[in-house]
Each structure stands twice: as C-alpha cells, then as structure tokens.
C-alpha cells in the first residue's frame, strides 16, 4: 500500500530480493575463496585474469587503506546510509525498472562490503585483472554489482534525457 508520500513496500520487495541475491552470491564467493586460498596466493585462470586472496581496508582502488583505522567505521556508516536511502528511493520509484535495477545492484554490493568490514575489518577481494606489468586492483562480486549499478544509473539518465528531448 502506498503512503501519501508515494512510498510503497510493494515497490521495494522485488528489488530488495535482488539485492539479497547479490549479497549472498558475494558472501558465498568470498567465503569460498577465503577457505581455499592463503593470503596473497594467486591462481592463473586466463592470461589476463587470476583468482587471489587480498584484503582491502580502504574503498575503491584502496582509497584510504593506509588511514589510521577510522575509515572502517566511516565506510560502514556510508554503506548503511546509502542502503537506507536506496530503500527510500525504491519505495518511491520501484516501478522504474532500469533505475530500480541499478539501485538494487548498488545496495546488494554495498551491504556485501559492509558485512566484510563489520566482521573482518576489511573487504575480501579475489578477482585480479592484469596485462603484462599492469594490474587492476583486486575486486569482488560486490564491487562488480556497484560498478554495474552505477553504469545502469548513467544509462537510465541518458535514456531519460533522450526521451525528454523527443
């Protein structure tokens, strides 16, 4: 049932369900890698892709990883705050499929990384792309969901602007 503000739990539930699926896939893959690999161990899968076990105390690209420890709580608060805001947006705009898909991916990824920070004090990363001596920072399923969701938000806005001009 929608409220006067237009917020509806009916709008939230399917997208929250998708976020839970992303969260679970992220956690299952991290737990699996944590059990199989020693820290820093690498397993070449393709000439440009390895599985590894790496810990990140910072954010994307290890941003603030070298800070004195305050970043853990900061990123937990940001991830939880963003997720609450996303729930609000899904309640109001859940019928907008591309927009809501993007938000659900971001929320599932954010909560996956938040749980890592709460349980371990760092995020577990295990996917490593490289070419010759260039290495992309290791990442995980949650990171892919966040980046994919951000890309879909951009696409959604571009399509909305294009439609408005037509």
Foldseek 3Di string as FASTA:
>chain_A
DADPVQFAVVLQPVLLVLLVVLLVVQVVVLVVCVVPADAQDWDDDDPFKIWHKYWALADAVNVCSVPPQPRLVVLLVVLVVLLVVLSRVSRRPSVPPLLSQLSSLLNSLSVNQSVCCVPPVTGIFTMWGHDDPDTRDGHTSSVVSNVVSVVSNVVVVVVVVVVVVD
